[in-house]
Amino acid sequence: MSDQTINGSAHHAPRVPRAEFKMYFALILMIAVPVQLIAWTGEAVIKGRKPRLDPLTRAWKDATAITPMIFRG
């Protein structure tokens, strides 16, 4: 069996500083909260009942999903 560790192509991207990640997360969250508030209100009016997740939780999920996408690449 050959040794794959010497000339392996297992190159890992450098880690992004946590402060930068948190800054982008906060910015995306600030943008997502008003958008999700409008979407939540519209959904409540159209369906006639309160949606399962509140606007802040929905915005938090959006920021959690979007922020890592920025740093991939």
PDB file of N, CA and C in Angstrom:
ATOM      1  N   MET A   1       0.850  -1.169   0.000  1.00  0.00           N
ATOM      2  CA  MET A   1       0.000   0.000   0.000  1.00  0.00           C
ATOM      3  C   MET A   1       0.902   1.241   0.000  1.00  0.00           C
ATOM      4  N   SER A   2       0.551   2.216  -0.752  1.00  0.00           N
ATOM      5  CA  SER A   2       1.381   3.415  -0.839  1.00  0.00           C
ATOM      6  C   SER A   2       0.963   4.461   0.204  1.00  0.00           C
ATOM      7  N   ASP A   3       1.931   5.303   0.549  1.00  0.00           N
ATOM      8  CA  ASP A   3       1.698   6.358   1.536  1.00  0.00           C
ATOM      9  C   ASP A   3       1.133   7.589   0.815  1.00  0.00           C
ATOM     10  N   GLN A   4      -0.097   7.947   1.123  1.00  0.00           N
ATOM     11  CA  GLN A   4      -0.756   9.079   0.475  1.00  0.00           C
ATOM     12  C   GLN A   4      -0.569  10.386   1.236  1.00  0.00           C
ATOM     13  N   THR A   5       0.087  10.357   2.375  1.00  0.00           N
ATOM     14  CA  THR A   5       0.196  11.562   3.192  1.00  0.00           C
ATOM     15  C   THR A   5       1.292  12.505   2.723  1.00  0.00           C
ATOM     16  N   ILE A   6       2.280  12.019   2.003  1.00  0.00           N
ATOM     17  CA  ILE A   6       3.407  12.856   1.600  1.00  0.00           C
ATOM     18  C   ILE A   6       3.011  13.837   0.503  1.00  0.00           C
ATOM     19  N   ASN A   7       2.449  13.357  -0.562  1.00  0.00           N
ATOM     20  CA  ASN A   7       2.077  14.219  -1.677  1.00  0.00           C
ATOM     21  C   ASN A   7       0.567  14.304  -1.844  1.00  0.00           C
ATOM     22  N   GLY A   8      -0.135  14.157  -0.761  1.00  0.00           N
ATOM     23  CA  GLY A   8      -1.596  14.192  -0.821  1.00  0.00           C
ATOM     24  C   GLY A   8      -2.112  15.573  -1.181  1.00  0.00           C
ATOM     25  N   SER A   9      -3.286  15.611  -1.735  1.00  0.00           N
ATOM     26  CA  SER A   9      -3.882  16.891  -2.123  1.00  0.00           C
ATOM     27  C   SER A   9      -4.914  17.349  -1.104  1.00  0.00           C
ATOM     28  N   ALA A  10      -4.753  16.929   0.126  1.00  0.00           N
ATOM     29  CA  ALA A  10      -5.688  17.302   1.182  1.00  0.00           C
ATOM     30  C   ALA A  10      -5.346  18.700   1.682  1.00  0.00           C
ATOM     31  N   HIS A  11      -5.673  19.687   0.891  1.00  0.00           N
ATOM     32  CA  HIS A  11      -5.403  21.078   1.244  1.00  0.00           C
ATOM     33  C   HIS A  11      -6.637  21.667   1.904  1.00  0.00           C
ATOM     34  N   HIS A  12      -6.459  22.215   3.075  1.00  0.00           N
ATOM     35  CA  HIS A  12      -7.566  22.830   3.798  1.00  0.00           C
ATOM     36  C   HIS A  12      -7.455  24.345   3.691  1.00  0.00           C
ATOM     37  N   ALA A  13      -8.604  24.983   3.520  1.00  0.00           N
ATOM     38  CA  ALA A  13      -8.628  26.440   3.471  1.00  0.00           C
ATOM     39  C   ALA A  13      -8.318  26.987   4.859  1.00  0.00           C
ATOM     40  N   PRO A  14      -7.662  28.119   4.934  1.00  0.00           N
ATOM     41  CA  PRO A  14      -7.376  28.702   6.257  1.00  0.00           C
ATOM     42  C   PRO A  14      -8.668  29.124   6.953  1.00  0.00           C
ATOM     43  N   ARG A  15      -8.654  29.025   8.249  1.00  0.00           N
ATOM     44  CA  ARG A  15      -9.824  29.409   9.037  1.00  0.00           C
ATOM     45  C   ARG A  15     -10.019  30.921   9.000  1.00  0.00           C
ATOM     46  N   VAL A  16     -11.282  31.318   8.945  1.00  0.00           N
ATOM     47  CA  VAL A  16     -11.625  32.736   8.970  1.00  0.00           C
ATOM     48  C   VAL A  16     -11.649  33.178  10.427  1.00  0.00           C
ATOM     49  N   PRO A  17     -11.111  34.343  10.720  1.00  0.00           N
ATOM     50  CA  PRO A  17     -11.164  34.826  12.105  1.00  0.00           C
ATOM     51  C   PRO A  17     -12.609  34.930  12.595  1.00  0.00           C
ATOM     52  N   ARG A  18     -12.825  34.534  13.830  1.00  0.00           N
ATOM     53  CA  ARG A  18     -14.173  34.517  14.385  1.00  0.00           C
ATOM     54  C   ARG A  18     -14.800  35.909  14.431  1.00  0.00           C
ATOM     55  N   ALA A  19     -14.000  36.943  14.641  1.00  0.00           N
ATOM     56  CA  ALA A  19     -14.548  38.300  14.700  1.00  0.00           C
ATOM     57  C   ALA A  19     -15.168  38.686  13.355  1.00  0.00           C
ATOM     58  N   GLU A  20     -14.511  38.315  12.267  1.00  0.00           N
ATOM     59  CA  GLU A  20     -15.044  38.626  10.946  1.00  0.00           C
ATOM     60  C   GLU A  20     -16.340  37.862  10.691  1.00  0.00           C
ATOM     61  N   PHE A  21     -16.374  36.598  11.082  1.00  0.00           N
ATOM     62  CA  PHE A  21     -17.579  35.794  10.927  1.00  0.00           C
ATOM     63  C   PHE A  21     -18.736  36.402  11.715  1.00  0.00           C
ATOM     64  N   LYS A  22     -18.457  36.801  12.952  1.00  0.00           N
ATOM     65  CA  LYS A  22     -19.500  37.391  13.794  1.00  0.00           C
ATOM     66  C   LYS A  22     -19.996  38.717  13.226  1.00  0.00           C
ATOM     67  N   MET A  23     -19.101  39.491  12.629  1.00  0.00           N
ATOM     68  CA  MET A  23     -19.494  40.764  12.038  1.00  0.00           C
ATOM     69  C   MET A  23     -20.451  40.532  10.866  1.00  0.00           C
ATOM     70  N   TYR A  24     -20.097  39.603   9.988  1.00  0.00           N
ATOM     71  CA  TYR A  24     -20.979  39.291   8.862  1.00  0.00           C
ATOM     72  C   TYR A  24     -22.298  38.710   9.350  1.00  0.00           C
ATOM     73  N   PHE A  25     -22.248  37.843  10.366  1.00  0.00           N
ATOM     74  CA  PHE A  25     -23.464  37.260  10.915  1.00  0.00           C
ATOM     75  C   PHE A  25     -24.396  38.352  11.430  1.00  0.00           C
ATOM     76  N   ALA A  26     -23.845  39.305  12.181  1.00  0.00           N
ATOM     77  CA  ALA A  26     -24.649  40.395  12.735  1.00  0.00           C
ATOM     78  C   ALA A  26     -25.251  41.262  11.629  1.00  0.00           C
ATOM     79  N   LEU A  27     -24.466  41.537  10.604  1.00  0.00           N
ATOM     80  CA  LEU A  27     -24.972  42.343   9.490  1.00  0.00           C
ATOM     81  C   LEU A  27     -26.111  41.640   8.763  1.00  0.00           C
ATOM     82  N   ILE A  28     -25.934  40.366   8.495  1.00  0.00           N
ATOM     83  CA  ILE A  28     -26.984  39.604   7.812  1.00  0.00           C
ATOM     84  C   ILE A  28     -28.215  39.494   8.693  1.00  0.00           C
ATOM     85  N   LEU A  29     -28.019  39.310   9.983  1.00  0.00           N
ATOM     86  CA  LEU A  29     -29.149  39.229  10.901  1.00  0.00           C
ATOM     87  C   LEU A  29     -29.929  40.542  10.928  1.00  0.00           C
ATOM     88  N   MET A  30     -29.210  41.666  10.933  1.00  0.00           N
ATOM     89  CA  MET A  30     -29.881  42.974  10.936  1.00  0.00           C
ATOM     90  C   MET A  30     -30.702  43.187   9.665  1.00  0.00           C
ATOM     91  N   ILE A  31     -30.239  42.658   8.558  1.00  0.00           N
ATOM     92  CA  ILE A  31     -30.985  42.775   7.304  1.00  0.00           C
ATOM     93  C   ILE A  31     -32.144  41.792   7.280  1.00  0.00           C
ATOM     94  N   ALA A  32     -31.940  40.607   7.834  1.00  0.00           N
ATOM     95  CA  ALA A  32     -32.955  39.556   7.768  1.00  0.00           C
ATOM     96  C   ALA A  32     -34.142  39.809   8.694  1.00  0.00           C
ATOM     97  N   VAL A  33     -33.933  40.483   9.813  1.00  0.00           N
ATOM     98  CA  VAL A  33     -35.033  40.692  10.768  1.00  0.00           C
ATOM     99  C   VAL A  33     -36.191  41.471  10.140  1.00  0.00           C
ATOM    100  N   PRO A  34     -35.970  42.644   9.510  1.00  0.00           N
ATOM    101  CA  PRO A  34     -37.118  43.335   8.913  1.00  0.00           C
ATOM    102  C   PRO A  34     -37.761  42.541   7.770  1.00  0.00           C
ATOM    103  N   VAL A  35     -36.939  41.850   6.993  1.00  0.00           N
ATOM    104  CA  VAL A  35     -37.483  41.048   5.887  1.00  0.00           C
ATOM    105  C   VAL A  35     -38.375  39.941   6.436  1.00  0.00           C
ATOM    106  N   GLN A  36     -37.913  39.254   7.470  1.00  0.00           N
ATOM    107  CA  GLN A  36     -38.703  38.164   8.044  1.00  0.00           C
ATOM    108  C   GLN A  36     -39.923  38.689   8.802  1.00  0.00           C
ATOM    109  N   LEU A  37     -39.828  39.880   9.353  1.00  0.00           N
ATOM    110  CA  LEU A  37     -40.990  40.477  10.017  1.00  0.00           C
ATOM    111  C   LEU A  37     -42.098  40.733   9.006  1.00  0.00           C
ATOM    112  N   ILE A  38     -41.735  41.246   7.846  1.00  0.00           N
ATOM    113  CA  ILE A  38     -42.717  41.476   6.780  1.00  0.00           C
ATOM    114  C   ILE A  38     -43.285  40.146   6.290  1.00  0.00           C
ATOM    115  N   ALA A  39     -42.401  39.160   6.063  1.00  0.00           N
ATOM    116  CA  ALA A  39     -42.853  37.849   5.595  1.00  0.00           C
ATOM    117  C   ALA A  39     -43.752  37.170   6.627  1.00  0.00           C
ATOM    118  N   TRP A  40     -43.385  37.268   7.897  1.00  0.00           N
ATOM    119  CA  TRP A  40     -44.172  36.663   8.967  1.00  0.00           C
ATOM    120  C   TRP A  40     -45.559  37.298   9.048  1.00  0.00           C
ATOM    121  N   THR A  41     -45.596  38.631   8.968  1.00  0.00           N
ATOM    122  CA  THR A  41     -46.873  39.349   9.019  1.00  0.00           C
ATOM    123  C   THR A  41     -47.742  38.976   7.825  1.00  0.00           C
ATOM    124  N   GLY A  42     -47.149  38.950   6.638  1.00  0.00           N
ATOM    125  CA  GLY A  42     -47.898  38.563   5.447  1.00  0.00           C
ATOM    126  C   GLY A  42     -48.444  37.154   5.535  1.00  0.00           C
ATOM    127  N   GLU A  43     -47.641  36.240   6.028  1.00  0.00           N
ATOM    128  CA  GLU A  43     -48.095  34.857   6.175  1.00  0.00           C
ATOM    129  C   GLU A  43     -49.228  34.756   7.196  1.00  0.00           C
ATOM    130  N   ALA A  44     -49.123  35.527   8.284  1.00  0.00           N
ATOM    131  CA  ALA A  44     -50.175  35.509   9.300  1.00  0.00           C
ATOM    132  C   ALA A  44     -51.483  36.062   8.751  1.00  0.00           C
ATOM    133  N   VAL A  45     -51.398  37.115   7.937  1.00  0.00           N
ATOM    134  CA  VAL A  45     -52.611  37.720   7.367  1.00  0.00           C
ATOM    135  C   VAL A  45     -53.230  36.789   6.326  1.00  0.00           C
ATOM    136  N   ILE A  46     -52.414  36.234   5.464  1.00  0.00           N
ATOM    137  CA  ILE A  46     -52.927  35.387   4.378  1.00  0.00           C
ATOM    138  C   ILE A  46     -53.521  34.091   4.919  1.00  0.00           C
ATOM    139  N   LYS A  47     -52.813  33.420   5.819  1.00  0.00           N
ATOM    140  CA  LYS A  47     -53.283  32.137   6.339  1.00  0.00           C
ATOM    141  C   LYS A  47     -54.263  32.278   7.497  1.00  0.00           C
ATOM    142  N   GLY A  48     -54.302  33.459   8.111  1.00  0.00           N
ATOM    143  CA  GLY A  48     -55.233  33.704   9.198  1.00  0.00           C
ATOM    144  C   GLY A  48     -54.827  33.064  10.518  1.00  0.00           C
ATOM    145  N   ARG A  49     -53.582  32.642  10.628  1.00  0.00           N
ATOM    146  CA  ARG A  49     -53.091  32.083  11.888  1.00  0.00           C
ATOM    147  C   ARG A  49     -51.617  32.432  12.050  1.00  0.00           C
ATOM    148  N   LYS A  50     -51.165  32.348  13.281  1.00  0.00           N
ATOM    149  CA  LYS A  50     -49.783  32.704  13.586  1.00  0.00           C
ATOM    150  C   LYS A  50     -48.836  31.621  13.061  1.00  0.00           C
ATOM    151  N   PRO A  51     -47.795  32.012  12.305  1.00  0.00           N
ATOM    152  CA  PRO A  51     -46.820  31.024  11.828  1.00  0.00           C
ATOM    153  C   PRO A  51     -46.086  30.347  12.982  1.00  0.00           C
ATOM    154  N   ARG A  52     -45.553  29.164  12.700  1.00  0.00           N
ATOM    155  CA  ARG A  52     -44.899  28.341  13.723  1.00  0.00           C
ATOM    156  C   ARG A  52     -43.687  29.039  14.336  1.00  0.00           C
ATOM    157  N   LEU A  53     -42.838  29.658  13.502  1.00  0.00           N
ATOM    158  CA  LEU A  53     -41.629  30.330  13.990  1.00  0.00           C
ATOM    159  C   LEU A  53     -41.828  31.841  14.010  1.00  0.00           C
ATOM    160  N   ASP A  54     -41.320  32.482  15.050  1.00  0.00           N
ATOM    161  CA  ASP A  54     -41.414  33.937  15.124  1.00  0.00           C
ATOM    162  C   ASP A  54     -40.385  34.573  14.179  1.00  0.00           C
ATOM    163  N   PRO A  55     -40.526  35.869  13.872  1.00  0.00           N
ATOM    164  CA  PRO A  55     -39.621  36.512  12.906  1.00  0.00           C
ATOM    165  C   PRO A  55     -38.146  36.474  13.308  1.00  0.00           C
ATOM    166  N   LEU A  56     -37.839  36.613  14.585  1.00  0.00           N
ATOM    167  CA  LEU A  56     -36.446  36.603  15.014  1.00  0.00           C
ATOM    168  C   LEU A  56     -35.812  35.224  14.802  1.00  0.00           C
ATOM    169  N   THR A  57     -36.547  34.178  15.101  1.00  0.00           N
ATOM    170  CA  THR A  57     -36.036  32.823  14.889  1.00  0.00           C
ATOM    171  C   THR A  57     -35.810  32.556  13.405  1.00  0.00           C
ATOM    172  N   ARG A  58     -36.744  33.019  12.576  1.00  0.00           N
ATOM    173  CA  ARG A  58     -36.590  32.838  11.136  1.00  0.00           C
ATOM    174  C   ARG A  58     -35.379  33.606  10.615  1.00  0.00           C
ATOM    175  N   ALA A  59     -35.167  34.822  11.109  1.00  0.00           N
ATOM    176  CA  ALA A  59     -34.010  35.618  10.697  1.00  0.00           C
ATOM    177  C   ALA A  59     -32.714  34.972  11.176  1.00  0.00           C
ATOM    178  N   TRP A  60     -32.714  34.433  12.385  1.00  0.00           N
ATOM    179  CA  TRP A  60     -31.530  33.766  12.926  1.00  0.00           C
ATOM    180  C   TRP A  60     -31.173  32.554  12.054  1.00  0.00           C
ATOM    181  N   LYS A  61     -32.176  31.790  11.647  1.00  0.00           N
ATOM    182  CA  LYS A  61     -31.928  30.630  10.782  1.00  0.00           C
ATOM    183  C   LYS A  61     -31.363  31.077   9.428  1.00  0.00           C
ATOM    184  N   ASP A  62     -31.881  32.171   8.890  1.00  0.00           N
ATOM    185  CA  ASP A  62     -31.360  32.696   7.622  1.00  0.00           C
ATOM    186  C   ASP A  62     -29.889  33.090   7.763  1.00  0.00           C
ATOM    187  N   ALA A  63     -29.579  33.830   8.819  1.00  0.00           N
ATOM    188  CA  ALA A  63     -28.194  34.273   9.026  1.00  0.00           C
ATOM    189  C   ALA A  63     -27.277  33.083   9.261  1.00  0.00           C
ATOM    190  N   THR A  64     -27.761  32.068   9.967  1.00  0.00           N
ATOM    191  CA  THR A  64     -26.975  30.867  10.218  1.00  0.00           C
ATOM    192  C   THR A  64     -26.689  30.111   8.924  1.00  0.00           C
ATOM    193  N   ALA A  65     -27.610  30.155   7.989  1.00  0.00           N
ATOM    194  CA  ALA A  65     -27.423  29.454   6.717  1.00  0.00           C
ATOM    195  C   ALA A  65     -26.586  30.259   5.727  1.00  0.00           C
ATOM    196  N   ILE A  66     -26.762  31.566   5.705  1.00  0.00           N
ATOM    197  CA  ILE A  66     -26.118  32.412   4.692  1.00  0.00           C
ATOM    198  C   ILE A  66     -24.657  32.722   5.022  1.00  0.00           C
ATOM    199  N   THR A  67     -24.354  33.015   6.278  1.00  0.00           N
ATOM    200  CA  THR A  67     -23.009  33.447   6.649  1.00  0.00           C
ATOM    201  C   THR A  67     -21.917  32.440   6.265  1.00  0.00           C
ATOM    202  N   PRO A  68     -22.069  31.151   6.524  1.00  0.00           N
ATOM    203  CA  PRO A  68     -21.013  30.225   6.111  1.00  0.00           C
ATOM    204  C   PRO A  68     -20.820  30.157   4.597  1.00  0.00           C
ATOM    205  N   MET A  69     -21.876  30.425   3.844  1.00  0.00           N
ATOM    206  CA  MET A  69     -21.762  30.422   2.380  1.00  0.00           C
ATOM    207  C   MET A  69     -20.798  31.512   1.881  1.00  0.00           C
ATOM    208  N   ILE A  70     -20.730  32.602   2.598  1.00  0.00           N
ATOM    209  CA  ILE A  70     -19.843  33.705   2.216  1.00  0.00           C
ATOM    210  C   ILE A  70     -18.381  33.274   2.323  1.00  0.00           C
ATOM    211  N   PHE A  71     -18.068  32.484   3.330  1.00  0.00           N
ATOM    212  CA  PHE A  71     -16.685  32.104   3.578  1.00  0.00           C
ATOM    213  C   PHE A  71     -16.249  30.840   2.861  1.00  0.00           C
ATOM    214  N   ARG A  72     -17.150  30.153   2.217  1.00  0.00           N
ATOM    215  CA  ARG A  72     -16.757  28.998   1.402  1.00  0.00           C
ATOM    216  C   ARG A  72     -16.180  29.521   0.111  1.00  0.00           C
ATOM    217  N   GLY A  73     -15.266  28.814  -0.400  1.00  0.00           N
ATOM    218  CA  GLY A  73     -14.919  29.262  -1.697  1.00  0.00           C
ATOM    219  C   GLY A  73     -13.566  29.201  -2.137  1.00  0.00           C
TER     220      GLY A  73
END
